[in-house]
Amino acid sequence: MKIFGLPIVRYDECLASWLVRSASVIGEEDVLRFSQSLEDPDFDLNNEMVIDFLSRVGVDPESARRCFGAQTNWLFPWENRAAYCLLCMQEDVASGRSPYWRKSWCYLHCPICVKHRTLLVLADPNSIGLQKSWIVFVEECNDKYDRKTRNEVQWRQPGAPTKAVILALRVQGFLTAVHKAGFIKIRGMDRPVRGADILAVARLLLENFLFPRLRPPCGDGVARAMQSGFPRISGIRSIEHAKLLGCSDCNVYSRMTALILVGCVFKLFPASRFIDVRMSLGLHSDVYSGEAYDIARYGMRLSSRREIGYAMEILNALPEDLKIYLEDFINGLARSRPELLFG
């Protein structure tokens, strides 16, 4: 989108990123004051303050939502949007443009850059602010030449094997398509499935797989083994709260692992593809088969009546053909929790 006198909005650019690049025209103090007054400077496009501000710089509400709106509500909180693709930023600068922040980097189910087929880089959330595109780019450049400007984090993600990234990218593409479509065709099913049903099951899976560390016997979700030693989220009030916080952690390696497990449940690739990468994911032996039954029985953590009721509500509401498609997973869950009586 081109607005007279202001920088062109780049493909997939966040609102806050564009405003920072426009600050020299709009006014740095105005942009800073405006952004600091919002809980979410990237996507709060229904806020009257946002609508009024954009209208004053020549952007009507409909254009703003079409250009800057998120394609999903699976968003990280503003302060947790710290995963990015360094190669994308390098290309921005190499082409003579300022680096900018992509909307897709803010989505729970997108830990991989589709363009470069690489796992995103996780920045130190404490080192970034409104101008995070430039900050993380400069920190990467300084780090390359051993100039230590980056805040040291207590944990660094391991390098991701190419086969694991490609496998997770398959699932990422599937969930991205589901977010955009009302119905979607799944291989092995005769009729298209309602996107909302798939997303409900996928969200249930991600909440469990990304479960953050609590006191034993709860422990971490199966996708978070590679985060050993990473400082856990504090102030957890309940298991339900912990699951929500788990899905607010932008750690890319655990999200990649969780996507692969989601792909196993939905049969998005042959079992042999999972076997090729399982050793690199840090999974415990109970789910090494990659079978939906084992993933449900040993990888899901339904520890309270509320959690069990939530799972029952989601799975019982599924159409019969999708229940049959997910039968192995549902049976494994019922074996793990006998009180789960699915219709």
Protein backbone atom coordinates (compact mmCIF):
# COMPACT_ATOMS: atom_id res chain seq x y z
CA MET A 1 0.00 0.00 0.00
CA LYS A 2 1.32 3.45 -0.95
CA ILE A 3 0.36 6.54 1.04
CA PHE A 4 1.35 9.95 -0.27
CA GLY A 5 4.43 11.29 1.48
CA LEU A 6 4.96 8.18 3.63
CA PRO A 7 7.07 5.02 3.16
CA ILE A 8 5.45 2.20 1.20
CA VAL A 9 3.99 -0.50 3.41
CA ARG A 10 6.01 -3.63 2.76
CA TYR A 11 4.63 -7.12 2.25
CA ASP A 12 3.39 -8.64 5.52
CA GLU A 13 4.57 -5.62 7.55
CA CYS A 14 3.32 -4.93 11.08
CA LEU A 15 1.71 -1.58 11.83
CA ALA A 16 4.27 -0.65 14.50
CA SER A 17 7.11 -1.42 12.09
CA TRP A 18 5.64 0.87 9.43
CA LEU A 19 5.01 3.65 11.95
CA VAL A 20 8.62 3.53 13.11
CA ARG A 21 9.81 3.77 9.50
CA SER A 22 7.39 6.69 9.01
CA ALA A 23 8.44 8.52 12.18
CA SER A 24 10.60 11.09 10.38
CA VAL A 25 7.50 12.22 8.44
CA ILE A 26 4.75 11.73 11.03
CA GLY A 27 6.86 12.92 13.97
CA GLU A 28 8.87 10.75 16.33
CA GLU A 29 7.17 12.04 19.48
CA ASP A 30 3.71 11.40 18.02
CA VAL A 31 4.59 7.85 16.98
CA LEU A 32 6.17 7.07 20.35
CA ARG A 33 3.28 8.56 22.32
CA PHE A 34 0.75 6.73 20.17
CA SER A 35 2.49 3.36 20.38
CA GLN A 36 3.06 3.53 24.13
CA SER A 37 -0.64 4.14 24.72
CA LEU A 38 -1.63 0.79 23.17
CA GLU A 39 -1.47 -2.75 24.55
CA ASP A 40 -0.76 -4.04 21.05
CA PRO A 41 0.80 -1.49 18.66
CA ASP A 42 0.89 -4.10 15.88
CA PHE A 43 -2.69 -5.35 15.64
CA ASP A 44 -5.06 -3.22 17.73
CA LEU A 45 -6.85 -2.01 14.60
CA ASN A 46 -10.33 -1.72 16.12
CA ASN A 47 -9.21 0.77 18.74
CA GLU A 48 -10.76 4.20 18.13
CA MET A 49 -7.43 5.81 18.97
CA VAL A 50 -5.74 3.79 16.22
CA ILE A 51 -8.45 4.58 13.69
CA ASP A 52 -8.26 8.30 14.48
CA PHE A 53 -4.46 8.38 14.35
CA LEU A 54 -4.28 6.57 11.02
CA SER A 55 -7.05 8.71 9.56
CA ARG A 56 -4.98 11.81 10.36
CA VAL A 57 -2.06 10.41 8.34
CA GLY A 58 -4.30 9.45 5.43
CA VAL A 59 -5.10 5.77 6.10
CA ASP A 60 -8.81 4.87 6.24
CA PRO A 61 -9.95 2.09 8.65
CA GLU A 62 -10.81 -0.43 5.92
CA SER A 63 -7.42 -0.06 4.24
CA ALA A 64 -5.66 -0.32 7.60
CA ARG A 65 -7.40 -3.59 8.51
CA ARG A 66 -6.81 -5.04 5.06
CA CYS A 67 -3.12 -4.12 5.10
CA PHE A 68 -2.11 -4.52 8.75
CA GLY A 69 -4.70 -6.96 10.06
CA ALA A 70 -3.59 -10.34 11.43
CA GLN A 71 -4.65 -13.50 9.61
CA THR A 72 -5.21 -15.28 12.92
CA ASN A 73 -5.88 -14.62 16.58
CA TRP A 74 -3.05 -17.03 17.47
CA LEU A 75 -0.83 -14.07 18.32
CA PHE A 76 1.97 -13.71 20.83
CA PRO A 77 1.68 -10.85 23.31
CA TRP A 78 3.47 -7.71 22.15
CA GLU A 79 6.36 -8.19 24.58
CA ASN A 80 6.94 -11.80 23.45
CA ARG A 81 7.27 -11.15 19.71
CA ALA A 82 11.01 -11.75 19.63
CA ALA A 83 11.41 -14.35 16.84
CA TYR A 84 12.54 -13.16 13.42
CA CYS A 85 14.30 -14.20 10.22
CA LEU A 86 17.76 -12.67 9.99
CA LEU A 87 18.00 -13.54 6.27
CA CYS A 88 14.88 -11.47 5.55
CA MET A 89 16.36 -8.50 7.38
CA GLN A 90 19.68 -8.87 5.60
CA GLU A 91 17.83 -8.80 2.27
CA ASP A 92 15.95 -5.66 3.33
CA VAL A 93 19.19 -3.82 4.08
CA ALA A 94 21.00 -5.21 1.01
CA SER A 95 18.24 -3.79 -1.21
CA GLY A 96 18.65 -0.34 0.32
CA ARG A 97 15.59 -0.48 2.60
CA SER A 98 15.19 -0.37 6.34
CA PRO A 99 14.60 -3.77 7.91
CA TYR A 100 10.99 -4.32 8.89
CA TRP A 101 9.04 -6.69 11.14
CA ARG A 102 6.77 -9.27 9.46
CA LYS A 103 3.29 -10.11 10.75
CA SER A 104 3.89 -13.82 10.22
CA TRP A 105 6.68 -13.76 12.80
CA CYS A 106 4.03 -12.93 15.41
CA TYR A 107 1.93 -16.08 14.90
CA LEU A 108 2.08 -19.07 17.25
CA HIS A 109 2.06 -21.64 14.43
CA CYS A 110 4.75 -19.95 12.29
CA PRO A 111 8.25 -20.56 13.72
CA ILE A 112 9.74 -21.03 10.23
CA CYS A 113 10.46 -18.49 7.49
CA VAL A 114 8.52 -19.72 4.44
CA LYS A 115 10.77 -17.81 2.03
CA HIS A 116 14.10 -19.13 3.32
CA ARG A 117 12.87 -22.39 4.88
CA THR A 118 14.86 -21.73 8.03
CA LEU A 119 13.92 -21.66 11.68
CA LEU A 120 13.44 -18.13 12.97
CA VAL A 121 16.05 -16.60 15.28
CA LEU A 122 15.05 -15.94 18.87
CA ALA A 123 16.12 -12.56 20.19
CA ASP A 124 16.45 -11.60 23.82
CA PRO A 125 13.02 -10.08 24.56
CA ASN A 126 14.62 -7.69 27.05
CA SER A 127 16.75 -6.06 24.35
CA ILE A 128 14.01 -5.10 21.92
CA GLY A 129 11.46 -2.31 21.89
CA LEU A 130 9.51 -0.31 19.36
CA GLN A 131 12.46 -0.16 16.94
CA LYS A 132 13.17 -3.86 17.28
CA SER A 133 13.88 -4.42 13.57
CA TRP A 134 16.98 -2.23 13.66
CA ILE A 135 17.95 -3.26 17.19
CA VAL A 136 18.09 -7.00 16.51
CA PHE A 137 19.73 -6.46 13.11
CA VAL A 138 22.50 -4.31 14.60
CA GLU A 139 22.98 -6.79 17.45
CA GLU A 140 23.39 -9.63 14.94
CA CYS A 141 25.95 -7.59 12.99
CA ASN A 142 27.91 -6.68 16.11
CA ASP A 143 27.79 -10.25 17.34
CA LYS A 144 29.23 -11.42 14.02
CA TYR A 145 32.31 -9.24 14.61
CA ASP A 146 32.50 -10.14 18.30
CA ARG A 147 31.23 -6.78 19.52
CA LYS A 148 29.06 -7.75 22.45
CA THR A 149 26.01 -5.47 22.51
CA ARG A 150 23.44 -8.23 22.89
CA ASN A 151 22.00 -9.04 26.31
CA GLU A 152 23.10 -12.53 27.23
CA VAL A 153 20.22 -14.95 27.54
CA GLN A 154 20.53 -18.03 29.73
CA TRP A 155 19.64 -20.41 26.94
CA ARG A 156 20.25 -20.59 23.20
CA GLN A 157 18.26 -22.80 20.89
CA PRO A 158 20.19 -25.66 19.24
CA GLY A 159 20.59 -25.75 15.50
CA ALA A 160 17.57 -27.30 13.82
CA PRO A 161 18.16 -30.20 11.38
CA THR A 162 16.94 -29.39 7.87
CA LYS A 163 14.66 -32.44 7.77
CA ALA A 164 12.90 -31.34 10.96
CA VAL A 165 12.42 -27.79 9.66
CA ILE A 166 10.94 -29.01 6.37
CA LEU A 167 8.61 -31.40 8.20
CA ALA A 168 7.38 -28.65 10.54
CA LEU A 169 6.99 -26.31 7.57
CA ARG A 170 4.54 -28.79 6.05
CA VAL A 171 2.37 -28.53 9.17
CA GLN A 172 2.82 -24.76 9.37
CA GLY A 173 1.54 -24.45 5.81
CA PHE A 174 -1.42 -26.68 6.65
CA LEU A 175 -2.43 -24.58 9.69
CA THR A 176 -1.89 -21.34 7.76
CA ALA A 177 -4.27 -22.61 5.06
CA VAL A 178 -6.80 -23.66 7.70
CA HIS A 179 -6.77 -20.19 9.23
CA LYS A 180 -7.64 -18.71 5.84
CA ALA A 181 -10.25 -21.25 4.71
CA GLY A 182 -13.71 -22.06 5.98
CA PHE A 183 -13.27 -25.67 4.85
CA ILE A 184 -10.20 -27.65 3.91
CA LYS A 185 -9.54 -31.06 2.35
CA ILE A 186 -7.50 -33.57 4.35
CA ARG A 187 -5.93 -36.53 2.60
CA GLY A 188 -7.82 -39.68 3.54
CA MET A 189 -11.17 -37.96 4.11
CA ASP A 190 -13.92 -37.90 1.51
CA ARG A 191 -15.36 -34.51 2.40
CA PRO A 192 -13.74 -31.18 3.29
CA VAL A 193 -13.47 -30.49 7.02
CA ARG A 194 -14.56 -27.31 8.74
CA GLY A 195 -11.51 -25.19 9.49
CA ALA A 196 -12.79 -24.25 12.95
CA ASP A 197 -12.87 -27.92 13.97
CA ILE A 198 -9.27 -28.49 12.91
CA LEU A 199 -8.09 -25.36 14.68
CA ALA A 200 -9.86 -26.36 17.89
CA VAL A 201 -8.06 -29.71 17.98
CA ALA A 202 -4.73 -28.16 16.92
CA ARG A 203 -4.96 -25.55 19.66
CA LEU A 204 -5.70 -28.25 22.25
CA LEU A 205 -2.59 -30.11 21.08
CA LEU A 206 -0.33 -27.05 21.10
CA GLU A 207 -1.45 -26.01 24.59
CA ASN A 208 -0.44 -29.44 25.91
CA PHE A 209 2.75 -29.88 23.89
CA LEU A 210 4.03 -26.42 24.92
CA PHE A 211 3.08 -26.83 28.58
CA PRO A 212 5.65 -24.87 30.67
CA ARG A 213 7.49 -26.29 33.66
CA LEU A 214 5.65 -26.57 36.96
CA ARG A 215 6.49 -28.62 40.02
CA PRO A 216 6.45 -32.42 39.54
CA PRO A 217 4.55 -34.45 38.51
CA CYS A 218 3.34 -31.99 35.86
CA GLY A 219 6.67 -31.19 34.23
CA ASP A 220 7.14 -29.81 30.73
CA GLY A 221 5.09 -30.61 27.69
CA VAL A 222 6.69 -33.09 25.30
CA ALA A 223 7.72 -30.40 22.80
CA ARG A 224 9.80 -28.43 25.29
CA ALA A 225 12.58 -30.89 26.11
CA MET A 226 15.15 -28.85 24.18
CA GLN A 227 14.52 -25.95 26.57
CA SER A 228 16.22 -27.64 29.50
CA GLY A 229 17.77 -24.93 31.66
CA PHE A 230 15.73 -22.09 30.19
CA PRO A 231 14.15 -19.87 32.86
CA ARG A 232 10.49 -20.80 33.12
CA ILE A 233 7.53 -18.48 33.22
CA SER A 234 6.85 -17.32 36.77
CA GLY A 235 3.62 -16.36 38.47
CA ILE A 236 1.64 -19.34 37.18
CA ARG A 237 -1.72 -19.43 38.91
CA SER A 238 -3.11 -22.70 37.58
CA ILE A 239 -2.54 -25.45 35.05
CA GLU A 240 -4.98 -23.75 32.67
CA HIS A 241 -3.02 -20.52 33.01
CA ALA A 242 0.23 -22.41 32.40
CA LYS A 243 -1.06 -23.77 29.10
CA LEU A 244 -1.98 -20.31 27.89
CA LEU A 245 1.44 -19.03 28.88
CA GLY A 246 3.05 -21.95 27.08
CA CYS A 247 1.41 -20.76 23.86
CA SER A 248 2.69 -17.24 24.58
CA ASP A 249 6.34 -18.34 24.61
CA CYS A 250 7.82 -17.62 21.20
CA ASN A 251 10.63 -20.19 21.54
CA VAL A 252 10.97 -21.51 18.01
CA TYR A 253 12.51 -24.95 18.62
CA SER A 254 9.69 -26.10 20.90
CA ARG A 255 7.11 -24.70 18.47
CA MET A 256 8.78 -26.58 15.60
CA THR A 257 8.64 -29.80 17.63
CA ALA A 258 5.00 -29.19 18.56
CA LEU A 259 4.09 -28.70 14.89
CA ILE A 260 5.69 -32.01 13.97
CA LEU A 261 3.64 -33.78 16.64
CA VAL A 262 0.48 -32.07 15.37
CA GLY A 263 1.38 -33.37 11.92
CA CYS A 264 1.62 -36.91 13.32
CA VAL A 265 -1.87 -36.65 14.83
CA PHE A 266 -3.39 -35.30 11.60
CA LYS A 267 -1.42 -37.78 9.43
CA LEU A 268 0.14 -35.03 7.33
CA PHE A 269 3.23 -37.10 6.45
CA PRO A 270 4.35 -40.75 6.50
CA ALA A 271 5.58 -42.18 9.80
CA SER A 272 9.02 -42.70 8.24
CA ARG A 273 9.45 -38.93 7.94
CA PHE A 274 8.94 -38.54 11.68
CA ILE A 275 11.34 -41.40 12.45
CA ASP A 276 14.03 -39.58 10.45
CA VAL A 277 13.93 -36.55 12.78
CA ARG A 278 12.74 -37.82 16.17
CA MET A 279 16.24 -38.22 17.67
CA SER A 280 16.92 -34.50 17.21
CA LEU A 281 13.74 -33.34 18.94
CA GLY A 282 14.55 -34.39 22.49
CA LEU A 283 11.32 -36.37 22.86
CA HIS A 284 10.94 -39.04 25.53
CA SER A 285 10.71 -42.66 24.43
CA ASP A 286 6.98 -43.02 25.05
CA VAL A 287 6.17 -40.96 21.96
CA TYR A 288 9.06 -42.17 19.76
CA SER A 289 6.70 -44.16 17.57
CA GLY A 290 5.06 -40.96 16.33
CA GLU A 291 1.72 -42.75 16.45
CA ALA A 292 -1.29 -40.65 17.41
CA TYR A 293 -2.32 -43.18 20.06
CA ASP A 294 1.01 -42.91 21.91
CA ILE A 295 1.14 -39.13 21.53
CA ALA A 296 -2.30 -38.84 23.13
CA ARG A 297 -1.66 -41.36 25.87
CA TYR A 298 1.78 -40.16 26.94
CA GLY A 299 2.08 -36.65 25.52
CA MET A 300 -1.15 -35.00 26.72
CA ARG A 301 -1.39 -33.59 30.24
CA LEU A 302 -5.01 -33.44 31.38
CA SER A 303 -4.57 -33.02 35.11
CA SER A 304 -7.76 -31.28 36.23
CA ARG A 305 -11.50 -31.79 35.78
CA ARG A 306 -11.63 -28.49 33.93
CA GLU A 307 -9.01 -29.66 31.42
CA ILE A 308 -10.77 -32.97 30.92
CA GLY A 309 -14.08 -31.22 30.39
CA TYR A 310 -12.47 -28.83 27.91
CA ALA A 311 -11.02 -31.72 25.89
CA MET A 312 -14.31 -33.63 25.95
CA GLU A 313 -16.20 -30.57 24.77
CA ILE A 314 -13.86 -30.07 21.80
CA LEU A 315 -13.67 -33.72 20.73
CA ASN A 316 -17.36 -34.50 21.23
CA ALA A 317 -18.28 -31.52 19.06
CA LEU A 318 -16.33 -32.86 16.07
CA PRO A 319 -18.25 -34.29 13.10
CA GLU A 320 -18.33 -38.09 13.01
CA ASP A 321 -16.03 -38.45 10.01
CA LEU A 322 -13.34 -36.33 11.69
CA LYS A 323 -13.72 -38.35 14.90
CA ILE A 324 -13.12 -41.51 12.89
CA TYR A 325 -10.10 -39.88 11.22
CA LEU A 326 -8.66 -39.00 14.68
CA GLU A 327 -9.78 -42.28 16.24
CA ASP A 328 -6.28 -43.42 17.26
CA PHE A 329 -5.62 -40.13 19.04
CA ILE A 330 -9.01 -40.13 20.79
CA ASN A 331 -8.55 -43.75 21.91
CA GLY A 332 -5.11 -42.96 23.30
CA LEU A 333 -6.51 -40.01 25.22
CA ALA A 334 -9.33 -42.13 26.63
CA ARG A 335 -6.79 -44.77 27.70
CA SER A 336 -4.78 -42.11 29.48
CA ARG A 337 -7.86 -40.66 31.20
CA PRO A 338 -10.59 -43.33 31.56
CA GLU A 339 -13.06 -40.66 32.71
CA LEU A 340 -13.04 -39.28 29.16
CA LEU A 341 -16.26 -40.66 27.68
CA PHE A 342 -16.47 -39.52 24.09
CA GLY A 343 -19.72 -39.69 22.19
